[in-house]
Amino acid sequence: MKPASAKAKGRKFQQHIRDLLIKHLGFDELDCKSTSMGAGGTDIQLSRAALEKFPYPSIECKNQEKLNVWAAYKQAQSHGDGDALLFITRNRAPSLVVLDAETFIRLHKAKP
């Protein structure tokens, strides 16, 4: 695959995830932005208001047929403090989310 095609494929997935966050979490388009390809940092930038509802400041999106999940998750973690999320997909496959196990359990811990 040509580099331009790979970037377009990644950009489309990144925008798809942004659109899902806006649709299902009620974010305004200004609260949830897809960053440009090749820009350093998180793939989806959330405003402070959005981070209060969805506390994941480090979001990485990967649309690749062969993916080193560990390296991709490490990249998501490198974007800053807080819990990291990795959204992954490949051709003709559902989108998945990779999240640290302790964070996942903390999200589902019974509240008193």
PDB file of N, CA and C in Angstrom:
ATOM      1  N   MET A   1       0.848  -1.178   0.000  1.00  0.00           N
ATOM      2  CA  MET A   1       0.000   0.000   0.000  1.00  0.00           C
ATOM      3  C   MET A   1       0.892   1.240   0.000  1.00  0.00           C
ATOM      4  N   LYS A   2       0.529   2.213  -0.796  1.00  0.00           N
ATOM      5  CA  LYS A   2       1.289   3.451  -0.866  1.00  0.00           C
ATOM      6  C   LYS A   2       1.117   4.242   0.435  1.00  0.00           C
ATOM      7  N   PRO A   3       2.135   4.992   0.849  1.00  0.00           N
ATOM      8  CA  PRO A   3       2.023   5.781   2.084  1.00  0.00           C
ATOM      9  C   PRO A   3       0.816   6.712   2.107  1.00  0.00           C
ATOM     10  N   ALA A   4       0.509   7.338   0.983  1.00  0.00           N
ATOM     11  CA  ALA A   4      -0.642   8.240   0.939  1.00  0.00           C
ATOM     12  C   ALA A   4      -1.948   7.480   1.189  1.00  0.00           C
ATOM     13  N   SER A   5      -2.057   6.276   0.631  1.00  0.00           N
ATOM     14  CA  SER A   5      -3.258   5.459   0.836  1.00  0.00           C
ATOM     15  C   SER A   5      -3.369   5.008   2.284  1.00  0.00           C
ATOM     16  N   ALA A   6      -2.243   4.639   2.886  1.00  0.00           N
ATOM     17  CA  ALA A   6      -2.240   4.215   4.282  1.00  0.00           C
ATOM     18  C   ALA A   6      -2.658   5.367   5.195  1.00  0.00           C
ATOM     19  N   LYS A   7      -2.167   6.565   4.909  1.00  0.00           N
ATOM     20  CA  LYS A   7      -2.541   7.727   5.721  1.00  0.00           C
ATOM     21  C   LYS A   7      -4.026   8.041   5.560  1.00  0.00           C
ATOM     22  N   ALA A   8      -4.533   7.936   4.340  1.00  0.00           N
ATOM     23  CA  ALA A   8      -5.955   8.188   4.106  1.00  0.00           C
ATOM     24  C   ALA A   8      -6.817   7.169   4.856  1.00  0.00           C
ATOM     25  N   LYS A   9      -6.389   5.923   4.852  1.00  0.00           N
ATOM     26  CA  LYS A   9      -7.098   4.851   5.568  1.00  0.00           C
ATOM     27  C   LYS A   9      -7.104   5.145   7.072  1.00  0.00           C
ATOM     28  N   GLY A  10      -5.975   5.553   7.603  1.00  0.00           N
ATOM     29  CA  GLY A  10      -5.877   5.888   9.020  1.00  0.00           C
ATOM     30  C   GLY A  10      -6.706   7.111   9.374  1.00  0.00           C
ATOM     31  N   ARG A  11      -6.675   8.130   8.508  1.00  0.00           N
ATOM     32  CA  ARG A  11      -7.440   9.356   8.740  1.00  0.00           C
ATOM     33  C   ARG A  11      -8.932   9.057   8.778  1.00  0.00           C
ATOM     34  N   LYS A  12      -9.391   8.210   7.856  1.00  0.00           N
ATOM     35  CA  LYS A  12     -10.813   7.858   7.795  1.00  0.00           C
ATOM     36  C   LYS A  12     -11.253   7.154   9.088  1.00  0.00           C
ATOM     37  N   PHE A  13     -10.426   6.253   9.590  1.00  0.00           N
ATOM     38  CA  PHE A  13     -10.764   5.557  10.838  1.00  0.00           C
ATOM     39  C   PHE A  13     -10.768   6.525  12.022  1.00  0.00           C
ATOM     40  N   GLN A  14      -9.787   7.391  12.058  1.00  0.00           N
ATOM     41  CA  GLN A  14      -9.693   8.390  13.126  1.00  0.00           C
ATOM     42  C   GLN A  14     -10.950   9.269  13.134  1.00  0.00           C
ATOM     43  N   GLN A  15     -11.397   9.697  11.972  1.00  0.00           N
ATOM     44  CA  GLN A  15     -12.598  10.523  11.872  1.00  0.00           C
ATOM     45  C   GLN A  15     -13.853   9.724  12.237  1.00  0.00           C
ATOM     46  N   HIS A  16     -13.857   8.445  11.924  1.00  0.00           N
ATOM     47  CA  HIS A  16     -14.977   7.572  12.308  1.00  0.00           C
ATOM     48  C   HIS A  16     -15.094   7.489  13.833  1.00  0.00           C
ATOM     49  N   ILE A  17     -13.970   7.312  14.511  1.00  0.00           N
ATOM     50  CA  ILE A  17     -13.995   7.247  15.975  1.00  0.00           C
ATOM     51  C   ILE A  17     -14.446   8.586  16.554  1.00  0.00           C
ATOM     52  N   ARG A  18     -13.930   9.694  15.997  1.00  0.00           N
ATOM     53  CA  ARG A  18     -14.364  11.021  16.442  1.00  0.00           C
ATOM     54  C   ARG A  18     -15.873  11.159  16.293  1.00  0.00           C
ATOM     55  N   ASP A  19     -16.410  10.741  15.148  1.00  0.00           N
ATOM     56  CA  ASP A  19     -17.847  10.842  14.899  1.00  0.00           C
ATOM     57  C   ASP A  19     -18.652   9.989  15.884  1.00  0.00           C
ATOM     58  N   LEU A  20     -18.148   8.817  16.229  1.00  0.00           N
ATOM     59  CA  LEU A  20     -18.828   7.973  17.224  1.00  0.00           C
ATOM     60  C   LEU A  20     -18.862   8.655  18.587  1.00  0.00           C
ATOM     61  N   LEU A  21     -17.752   9.256  18.979  1.00  0.00           N
ATOM     62  CA  LEU A  21     -17.708   9.959  20.268  1.00  0.00           C
ATOM     63  C   LEU A  21     -18.691  11.124  20.283  1.00  0.00           C
ATOM     64  N   ILE A  22     -18.754  11.870  19.200  1.00  0.00           N
ATOM     65  CA  ILE A  22     -19.686  12.997  19.120  1.00  0.00           C
ATOM     66  C   ILE A  22     -21.127  12.499  19.175  1.00  0.00           C
ATOM     67  N   LYS A  23     -21.427  11.472  18.406  1.00  0.00           N
ATOM     68  CA  LYS A  23     -22.801  10.956  18.322  1.00  0.00           C
ATOM     69  C   LYS A  23     -23.287  10.351  19.638  1.00  0.00           C
ATOM     70  N   HIS A  24     -22.479   9.485  20.233  1.00  0.00           N
ATOM     71  CA  HIS A  24     -22.949   8.722  21.385  1.00  0.00           C
ATOM     72  C   HIS A  24     -22.698   9.381  22.734  1.00  0.00           C
ATOM     73  N   LEU A  25     -21.743  10.297  22.798  1.00  0.00           N
ATOM     74  CA  LEU A  25     -21.456  10.955  24.067  1.00  0.00           C
ATOM     75  C   LEU A  25     -21.947  12.398  24.096  1.00  0.00           C
ATOM     76  N   GLY A  26     -22.531  12.842  23.001  1.00  0.00           N
ATOM     77  CA  GLY A  26     -23.138  14.166  22.965  1.00  0.00           C
ATOM     78  C   GLY A  26     -22.142  15.311  22.929  1.00  0.00           C
ATOM     79  N   PHE A  27     -20.957  15.060  22.432  1.00  0.00           N
ATOM     80  CA  PHE A  27     -19.967  16.125  22.344  1.00  0.00           C
ATOM     81  C   PHE A  27     -20.300  17.070  21.194  1.00  0.00           C
ATOM     82  N   ASP A  28     -19.917  18.311  21.360  1.00  0.00           N
ATOM     83  CA  ASP A  28     -19.962  19.279  20.282  1.00  0.00           C
ATOM     84  C   ASP A  28     -18.741  19.024  19.403  1.00  0.00           C
ATOM     85  N   GLU A  29     -18.813  19.385  18.134  1.00  0.00           N
ATOM     86  CA  GLU A  29     -17.671  19.170  17.240  1.00  0.00           C
ATOM     87  C   GLU A  29     -16.427  19.914  17.705  1.00  0.00           C
ATOM     88  N   LEU A  30     -16.608  20.998  18.443  1.00  0.00           N
ATOM     89  CA  LEU A  30     -15.461  21.747  18.962  1.00  0.00           C
ATOM     90  C   LEU A  30     -14.814  21.036  20.152  1.00  0.00           C
ATOM     91  N   ASP A  31     -15.564  20.127  20.786  1.00  0.00           N
ATOM     92  CA  ASP A  31     -15.055  19.403  21.954  1.00  0.00           C
ATOM     93  C   ASP A  31     -14.241  18.170  21.584  1.00  0.00           C
ATOM     94  N   CYS A  32     -14.345  17.724  20.343  1.00  0.00           N
ATOM     95  CA  CYS A  32     -13.734  16.464  19.932  1.00  0.00           C
ATOM     96  C   CYS A  32     -13.194  16.614  18.520  1.00  0.00           C
ATOM     97  N   LYS A  33     -11.866  16.708  18.400  1.00  0.00           N
ATOM     98  CA  LYS A  33     -11.254  16.958  17.097  1.00  0.00           C
ATOM     99  C   LYS A  33     -10.281  15.856  16.717  1.00  0.00           C
ATOM    100  N   SER A  34     -10.322  15.481  15.456  1.00  0.00           N
ATOM    101  CA  SER A  34      -9.371  14.537  14.892  1.00  0.00           C
ATOM    102  C   SER A  34      -8.142  15.344  14.475  1.00  0.00           C
ATOM    103  N   THR A  35      -6.966  14.939  14.928  1.00  0.00           N
ATOM    104  CA  THR A  35      -5.754  15.680  14.585  1.00  0.00           C
ATOM    105  C   THR A  35      -5.291  15.307  13.181  1.00  0.00           C
ATOM    106  N   SER A  36      -4.454  16.146  12.607  1.00  0.00           N
ATOM    107  CA  SER A  36      -3.954  15.876  11.264  1.00  0.00           C
ATOM    108  C   SER A  36      -2.966  14.716  11.307  1.00  0.00           C
ATOM    109  N   MET A  37      -2.893  13.997  10.209  1.00  0.00           N
ATOM    110  CA  MET A  37      -1.983  12.860  10.122  1.00  0.00           C
ATOM    111  C   MET A  37      -0.545  13.364  10.201  1.00  0.00           C
ATOM    112  N   GLY A  38       0.274  12.700  10.953  1.00  0.00           N
ATOM    113  CA  GLY A  38       1.668  13.077  11.107  1.00  0.00           C
ATOM    114  C   GLY A  38       1.910  14.046  12.244  1.00  0.00           C
ATOM    115  N   ALA A  39       0.837  14.594  12.804  1.00  0.00           N
ATOM    116  CA  ALA A  39       1.001  15.486  13.954  1.00  0.00           C
ATOM    117  C   ALA A  39       1.338  14.642  15.179  1.00  0.00           C
ATOM    118  N   GLY A  40       2.205  15.127  16.005  1.00  0.00           N
ATOM    119  CA  GLY A  40       2.552  14.385  17.216  1.00  0.00           C
ATOM    120  C   GLY A  40       1.429  14.448  18.225  1.00  0.00           C
ATOM    121  N   GLY A  41       1.428  13.534  19.145  1.00  0.00           N
ATOM    122  CA  GLY A  41       0.430  13.536  20.210  1.00  0.00           C
ATOM    123  C   GLY A  41      -0.773  12.673  19.902  1.00  0.00           C
ATOM    124  N   THR A  42      -1.785  12.888  20.699  1.00  0.00           N
ATOM    125  CA  THR A  42      -3.003  12.095  20.624  1.00  0.00           C
ATOM    126  C   THR A  42      -3.693  12.255  19.270  1.00  0.00           C
ATOM    127  N   ASP A  43      -4.379  11.212  18.811  1.00  0.00           N
ATOM    128  CA  ASP A  43      -5.064  11.256  17.520  1.00  0.00           C
ATOM    129  C   ASP A  43      -6.383  12.010  17.590  1.00  0.00           C
ATOM    130  N   ILE A  44      -7.009  12.001  18.768  1.00  0.00           N
ATOM    131  CA  ILE A  44      -8.266  12.720  18.955  1.00  0.00           C
ATOM    132  C   ILE A  44      -8.106  13.616  20.172  1.00  0.00           C
ATOM    133  N   GLN A  45      -8.260  14.898  19.945  1.00  0.00           N
ATOM    134  CA  GLN A  45      -8.120  15.871  21.031  1.00  0.00           C
ATOM    135  C   GLN A  45      -9.483  16.172  21.624  1.00  0.00           C
ATOM    136  N   LEU A  46      -9.553  16.104  22.942  1.00  0.00           N
ATOM    137  CA  LEU A  46     -10.794  16.392  23.652  1.00  0.00           C
ATOM    138  C   LEU A  46     -10.633  17.677  24.446  1.00  0.00           C
ATOM    139  N   SER A  47     -11.709  18.458  24.487  1.00  0.00           N
ATOM    140  CA  SER A  47     -11.699  19.679  25.285  1.00  0.00           C
ATOM    141  C   SER A  47     -11.783  19.310  26.771  1.00  0.00           C
ATOM    142  N   ARG A  48     -11.595  20.288  27.617  1.00  0.00           N
ATOM    143  CA  ARG A  48     -11.722  20.031  29.066  1.00  0.00           C
ATOM    144  C   ARG A  48     -13.115  19.535  29.414  1.00  0.00           C
ATOM    145  N   ALA A  49     -14.129  20.130  28.796  1.00  0.00           N
ATOM    146  CA  ALA A  49     -15.511  19.705  29.055  1.00  0.00           C
ATOM    147  C   ALA A  49     -15.706  18.244  28.637  1.00  0.00           C
ATOM    148  N   ALA A  50     -15.154  17.868  27.496  1.00  0.00           N
ATOM    149  CA  ALA A  50     -15.282  16.487  27.028  1.00  0.00           C
ATOM    150  C   ALA A  50     -14.523  15.536  27.945  1.00  0.00           C
ATOM    151  N   LEU A  51     -13.348  15.960  28.423  1.00  0.00           N
ATOM    152  CA  LEU A  51     -12.557  15.101  29.321  1.00  0.00           C
ATOM    153  C   LEU A  51     -13.266  14.857  30.652  1.00  0.00           C
ATOM    154  N   GLU A  52     -14.121  15.756  31.068  1.00  0.00           N
ATOM    155  CA  GLU A  52     -14.895  15.528  32.294  1.00  0.00           C
ATOM    156  C   GLU A  52     -15.887  14.388  32.108  1.00  0.00           C
ATOM    157  N   LYS A  53     -16.441  14.240  30.912  1.00  0.00           N
ATOM    158  CA  LYS A  53     -17.382  13.155  30.608  1.00  0.00           C
ATOM    159  C   LYS A  53     -16.666  11.875  30.208  1.00  0.00           C
ATOM    160  N   PHE A  54     -15.544  12.023  29.543  1.00  0.00           N
ATOM    161  CA  PHE A  54     -14.825  10.892  28.941  1.00  0.00           C
ATOM    162  C   PHE A  54     -13.340  11.079  29.241  1.00  0.00           C
ATOM    163  N   PRO A  55     -12.891  10.594  30.408  1.00  0.00           N
ATOM    164  CA  PRO A  55     -11.552  10.936  30.910  1.00  0.00           C
ATOM    165  C   PRO A  55     -10.394  10.149  30.285  1.00  0.00           C
ATOM    166  N   TYR A  56     -10.257  10.273  28.971  1.00  0.00           N
ATOM    167  CA  TYR A  56      -9.167   9.596  28.262  1.00  0.00           C
ATOM    168  C   TYR A  56      -8.403  10.626  27.423  1.00  0.00           C
ATOM    169  N   PRO A  57      -7.387  11.230  28.019  1.00  0.00           N
ATOM    170  CA  PRO A  57      -6.644  12.269  27.302  1.00  0.00           C
ATOM    171  C   PRO A  57      -5.711  11.725  26.226  1.00  0.00           C
ATOM    172  N   SER A  58      -5.446  10.430  26.244  1.00  0.00           N
ATOM    173  CA  SER A  58      -4.500   9.833  25.299  1.00  0.00           C
ATOM    174  C   SER A  58      -5.216   8.793  24.443  1.00  0.00           C
ATOM    175  N   ILE A  59      -5.586   9.201  23.223  1.00  0.00           N
ATOM    176  CA  ILE A  59      -6.322   8.319  22.323  1.00  0.00           C
ATOM    177  C   ILE A  59      -5.496   8.090  21.063  1.00  0.00           C
ATOM    178  N   GLU A  60      -5.301   6.830  20.743  1.00  0.00           N
ATOM    179  CA  GLU A  60      -4.558   6.443  19.549  1.00  0.00           C
ATOM    180  C   GLU A  60      -5.498   5.596  18.683  1.00  0.00           C
ATOM    181  N   CYS A  61      -5.483   5.815  17.364  1.00  0.00           N
ATOM    182  CA  CYS A  61      -6.314   5.058  16.428  1.00  0.00           C
ATOM    183  C   CYS A  61      -5.408   4.389  15.402  1.00  0.00           C
ATOM    184  N   LYS A  62      -5.604   3.087  15.203  1.00  0.00           N
ATOM    185  CA  LYS A  62      -4.795   2.333  14.243  1.00  0.00           C
ATOM    186  C   LYS A  62      -5.701   1.517  13.332  1.00  0.00           C
ATOM    187  N   ASN A  63      -5.518   1.679  12.029  1.00  0.00           N
ATOM    188  CA  ASN A  63      -6.243   0.905  11.038  1.00  0.00           C
ATOM    189  C   ASN A  63      -5.192   0.181  10.210  1.00  0.00           C
ATOM    190  N   GLN A  64      -4.788  -0.995  10.680  1.00  0.00           N
ATOM    191  CA  GLN A  64      -3.708  -1.753  10.048  1.00  0.00           C
ATOM    192  C   GLN A  64      -4.053  -3.232  10.027  1.00  0.00           C
ATOM    193  N   GLU A  65      -3.620  -3.899   8.976  1.00  0.00           N
ATOM    194  CA  GLU A  65      -3.856  -5.334   8.864  1.00  0.00           C
ATOM    195  C   GLU A  65      -3.014  -6.113   9.874  1.00  0.00           C
ATOM    196  N   LYS A  66      -1.778  -5.738  10.028  1.00  0.00           N
ATOM    197  CA  LYS A  66      -0.889  -6.375  11.005  1.00  0.00           C
ATOM    198  C   LYS A  66      -0.461  -5.297  11.978  1.00  0.00           C
ATOM    199  N   LEU A  67      -0.716  -5.534  13.246  1.00  0.00           N
ATOM    200  CA  LEU A  67      -0.477  -4.505  14.249  1.00  0.00           C
ATOM    201  C   LEU A  67       0.189  -5.108  15.472  1.00  0.00           C
ATOM    202  N   ASN A  68       1.221  -4.460  15.935  1.00  0.00           N
ATOM    203  CA  ASN A  68       1.816  -4.810  17.216  1.00  0.00           C
ATOM    204  C   ASN A  68       1.027  -4.036  18.271  1.00  0.00           C
ATOM    205  N   VAL A  69       0.070  -4.712  18.907  1.00  0.00           N
ATOM    206  CA  VAL A  69      -0.831  -4.058  19.859  1.00  0.00           C
ATOM    207  C   VAL A  69      -0.046  -3.440  21.011  1.00  0.00           C
ATOM    208  N   TRP A  70       0.977  -4.125  21.482  1.00  0.00           N
ATOM    209  CA  TRP A  70       1.753  -3.625  22.617  1.00  0.00           C
ATOM    210  C   TRP A  70       2.455  -2.322  22.273  1.00  0.00           C
ATOM    211  N   ALA A  71       3.044  -2.251  21.102  1.00  0.00           N
ATOM    212  CA  ALA A  71       3.735  -1.026  20.674  1.00  0.00           C
ATOM    213  C   ALA A  71       2.728   0.107  20.456  1.00  0.00           C
ATOM    214  N   ALA A  72       1.577  -0.218  19.878  1.00  0.00           N
ATOM    215  CA  ALA A  72       0.563   0.806  19.634  1.00  0.00           C
ATOM    216  C   ALA A  72       0.008   1.339  20.954  1.00  0.00           C
ATOM    217  N   TYR A  73      -0.210   0.452  21.930  1.00  0.00           N
ATOM    218  CA  TYR A  73      -0.717   0.902  23.231  1.00  0.00           C
ATOM    219  C   TYR A  73       0.337   1.751  23.946  1.00  0.00           C
ATOM    220  N   LYS A  74       1.587   1.373  23.826  1.00  0.00           N
ATOM    221  CA  LYS A  74       2.669   2.165  24.418  1.00  0.00           C
ATOM    222  C   LYS A  74       2.695   3.562  23.800  1.00  0.00           C
ATOM    223  N   GLN A  75       2.441   3.631  22.491  1.00  0.00           N
ATOM    224  CA  GLN A  75       2.377   4.932  21.825  1.00  0.00           C
ATOM    225  C   GLN A  75       1.233   5.764  22.403  1.00  0.00           C
ATOM    226  N   ALA A  76       0.075   5.144  22.624  1.00  0.00           N
ATOM    227  CA  ALA A  76      -1.059   5.861  23.223  1.00  0.00           C
ATOM    228  C   ALA A  76      -0.698   6.374  24.610  1.00  0.00           C
ATOM    229  N   GLN A  77      -0.016   5.561  25.395  1.00  0.00           N
ATOM    230  CA  GLN A  77       0.385   5.976  26.737  1.00  0.00           C
ATOM    231  C   GLN A  77       1.373   7.132  26.712  1.00  0.00           C
ATOM    232  N   SER A  78       2.177   7.212  25.671  1.00  0.00           N
ATOM    233  CA  SER A  78       3.217   8.237  25.600  1.00  0.00           C
ATOM    234  C   SER A  78       2.667   9.633  25.341  1.00  0.00           C
ATOM    235  N   HIS A  79       1.388   9.741  25.024  1.00  0.00           N
ATOM    236  CA  HIS A  79       0.817  11.039  24.690  1.00  0.00           C
ATOM    237  C   HIS A  79       0.571  11.917  25.905  1.00  0.00           C
ATOM    238  N   GLY A  80       0.665  11.377  27.097  1.00  0.00           N
ATOM    239  CA  GLY A  80       0.450  12.224  28.271  1.00  0.00           C
ATOM    240  C   GLY A  80      -0.016  11.440  29.465  1.00  0.00           C
ATOM    241  N   ASP A  81      -0.411  12.196  30.464  1.00  0.00           N
ATOM    242  CA  ASP A  81      -0.892  11.607  31.711  1.00  0.00           C
ATOM    243  C   ASP A  81      -2.320  11.110  31.536  1.00  0.00           C
ATOM    244  N   GLY A  82      -2.721  10.245  32.427  1.00  0.00           N
ATOM    245  CA  GLY A  82      -4.084   9.743  32.393  1.00  0.00           C
ATOM    246  C   GLY A  82      -4.191   8.417  31.660  1.00  0.00           C
ATOM    247  N   ASP A  83      -5.396   7.885  31.676  1.00  0.00           N
ATOM    248  CA  ASP A  83      -5.655   6.605  31.030  1.00  0.00           C
ATOM    249  C   ASP A  83      -5.589   6.743  29.516  1.00  0.00           C
ATOM    250  N   ALA A  84      -5.019   5.739  28.885  1.00  0.00           N
ATOM    251  CA  ALA A  84      -4.881   5.725  27.430  1.00  0.00           C
ATOM    252  C   ALA A  84      -5.881   4.755  26.824  1.00  0.00           C
ATOM    253  N   LEU A  85      -6.350   5.095  25.620  1.00  0.00           N
ATOM    254  CA  LEU A  85      -7.226   4.224  24.853  1.00  0.00           C
ATOM    255  C   LEU A  85      -6.603   3.993  23.488  1.00  0.00           C
ATOM    256  N   LEU A  86      -6.708   2.768  23.021  1.00  0.00           N
ATOM    257  CA  LEU A  86      -6.252   2.423  21.682  1.00  0.00           C
ATOM    258  C   LEU A  86      -7.441   1.844  20.923  1.00  0.00           C
ATOM    259  N   PHE A  87      -7.844   2.513  19.855  1.00  0.00           N
ATOM    260  CA  PHE A  87      -8.889   2.005  18.972  1.00  0.00           C
ATOM    261  C   PHE A  87      -8.183   1.335  17.800  1.00  0.00           C
ATOM    262  N   ILE A  88      -8.596   0.102  17.480  1.00  0.00           N
ATOM    263  CA  ILE A  88      -7.965  -0.625  16.383  1.00  0.00           C
ATOM    264  C   ILE A  88      -9.021  -1.218  15.463  1.00  0.00           C
ATOM    265  N   THR A  89      -8.632  -1.379  14.210  1.00  0.00           N
ATOM    266  CA  THR A  89      -9.465  -2.063  13.236  1.00  0.00           C
ATOM    267  C   THR A  89      -8.574  -2.533  12.093  1.00  0.00           C
ATOM    268  N   ARG A  90      -9.145  -3.304  11.223  1.00  0.00           N
ATOM    269  CA  ARG A  90      -8.498  -3.719   9.973  1.00  0.00           C
ATOM    270  C   ARG A  90      -9.617  -3.972   8.978  1.00  0.00           C
ATOM    271  N   ASN A  91      -9.269  -4.271   7.749  1.00  0.00           N
ATOM    272  CA  ASN A  91     -10.288  -4.468   6.716  1.00  0.00           C
ATOM    273  C   ASN A  91     -11.295  -5.549   7.115  1.00  0.00           C
ATOM    274  N   ARG A  92     -12.557  -5.235   6.890  1.00  0.00           N
ATOM    275  CA  ARG A  92     -13.655  -6.185   7.128  1.00  0.00           C
ATOM    276  C   ARG A  92     -13.666  -6.764   8.543  1.00  0.00           C
ATOM    277  N   ALA A  93     -13.324  -5.938   9.517  1.00  0.00           N
ATOM    278  CA  ALA A  93     -13.319  -6.376  10.912  1.00  0.00           C
ATOM    279  C   ALA A  93     -13.945  -5.278  11.771  1.00  0.00           C
ATOM    280  N   PRO A  94     -14.524  -5.657  12.902  1.00  0.00           N
ATOM    281  CA  PRO A  94     -15.096  -4.641  13.778  1.00  0.00           C
ATOM    282  C   PRO A  94     -13.992  -3.803  14.438  1.00  0.00           C
ATOM    283  N   SER A  95     -14.364  -2.625  14.861  1.00  0.00           N
ATOM    284  CA  SER A  95     -13.436  -1.784  15.612  1.00  0.00           C
ATOM    285  C   SER A  95     -13.394  -2.291  17.058  1.00  0.00           C
ATOM    286  N   LEU A  96     -12.196  -2.283  17.619  1.00  0.00           N
ATOM    287  CA  LEU A  96     -12.000  -2.740  18.991  1.00  0.00           C
ATOM    288  C   LEU A  96     -11.328  -1.641  19.811  1.00  0.00           C
ATOM    289  N   VAL A  97     -11.436  -1.779  21.127  1.00  0.00           N
ATOM    290  CA  VAL A  97     -10.782  -0.845  22.043  1.00  0.00           C
ATOM    291  C   VAL A  97      -9.843  -1.630  22.939  1.00  0.00           C
ATOM    292  N   VAL A  98      -8.622  -1.130  23.086  1.00  0.00           N
ATOM    293  CA  VAL A  98      -7.656  -1.721  24.007  1.00  0.00           C
ATOM    294  C   VAL A  98      -7.519  -0.747  25.172  1.00  0.00           C
ATOM    295  N   LEU A  99      -7.698  -1.289  26.359  1.00  0.00           N
ATOM    296  CA  LEU A  99      -7.682  -0.498  27.581  1.00  0.00           C
ATOM    297  C   LEU A  99      -6.961  -1.289  28.652  1.00  0.00           C
ATOM    298  N   ASP A 100      -6.202  -0.622  29.477  1.00  0.00           N
ATOM    299  CA  ASP A 100      -5.511  -1.269  30.592  1.00  0.00           C
ATOM    300  C   ASP A 100      -6.531  -2.024  31.453  1.00  0.00           C
ATOM    301  N   ALA A 101      -6.202  -3.235  31.879  1.00  0.00           N
ATOM    302  CA  ALA A 101      -7.129  -4.083  32.635  1.00  0.00           C
ATOM    303  C   ALA A 101      -7.554  -3.431  33.952  1.00  0.00           C
ATOM    304  N   GLU A 102      -6.633  -2.808  34.662  1.00  0.00           N
ATOM    305  CA  GLU A 102      -6.993  -2.153  35.930  1.00  0.00           C
ATOM    306  C   GLU A 102      -7.972  -1.010  35.696  1.00  0.00           C
ATOM    307  N   THR A 103      -7.781  -0.266  34.632  1.00  0.00           N
ATOM    308  CA  THR A 103      -8.698   0.817  34.307  1.00  0.00           C
ATOM    309  C   THR A 103     -10.075   0.258  33.986  1.00  0.00           C
ATOM    310  N   PHE A 104     -10.125  -0.812  33.200  1.00  0.00           N
ATOM    311  CA  PHE A 104     -11.392  -1.439  32.850  1.00  0.00           C
ATOM    312  C   PHE A 104     -12.137  -1.900  34.108  1.00  0.00           C
ATOM    313  N   ILE A 105     -11.446  -2.549  35.013  1.00  0.00           N
ATOM    314  CA  ILE A 105     -12.085  -3.046  36.235  1.00  0.00           C
ATOM    315  C   ILE A 105     -12.528  -1.880  37.107  1.00  0.00           C
ATOM    316  N   ARG A 106     -11.720  -0.843  37.177  1.00  0.00           N
ATOM    317  CA  ARG A 106     -12.090   0.339  37.961  1.00  0.00           C
ATOM    318  C   ARG A 106     -13.373   0.962  37.413  1.00  0.00           C
ATOM    319  N   LEU A 107     -13.558   0.944  36.109  1.00  0.00           N
ATOM    320  CA  LEU A 107     -14.775   1.491  35.496  1.00  0.00           C
ATOM    321  C   LEU A 107     -16.013   0.707  35.897  1.00  0.00           C
ATOM    322  N   HIS A 108     -15.844  -0.580  36.143  1.00  0.00           N
ATOM    323  CA  HIS A 108     -16.992  -1.442  36.418  1.00  0.00           C
ATOM    324  C   HIS A 108     -17.113  -1.859  37.876  1.00  0.00           C
ATOM    325  N   LYS A 109     -16.298  -1.258  38.695  1.00  0.00           N
ATOM    326  CA  LYS A 109     -16.347  -1.564  40.127  1.00  0.00           C
ATOM    327  C   LYS A 109     -17.690  -1.096  40.707  1.00  0.00           C
ATOM    328  N   ALA A 110     -18.265  -1.935  41.539  1.00  0.00           N
ATOM    329  CA  ALA A 110     -19.557  -1.595  42.147  1.00  0.00           C
ATOM    330  C   ALA A 110     -19.412  -0.352  43.016  1.00  0.00           C
ATOM    331  N   LYS A 111     -20.377   0.535  42.882  1.00  0.00           N
ATOM    332  CA  LYS A 111     -20.365   1.762  43.669  1.00  0.00           C
ATOM    333  C   LYS A 111     -21.189   1.535  44.928  1.00  0.00           C
ATOM    334  N   PRO A 112     -20.720   2.068  46.060  1.00  0.00           N
ATOM    335  CA  PRO A 112     -21.450   1.862  47.327  1.00  0.00           C
ATOM    336  C   PRO A 112     -22.798   2.550  47.366  1.00  0.00           C
TER     337      PRO A 112
END
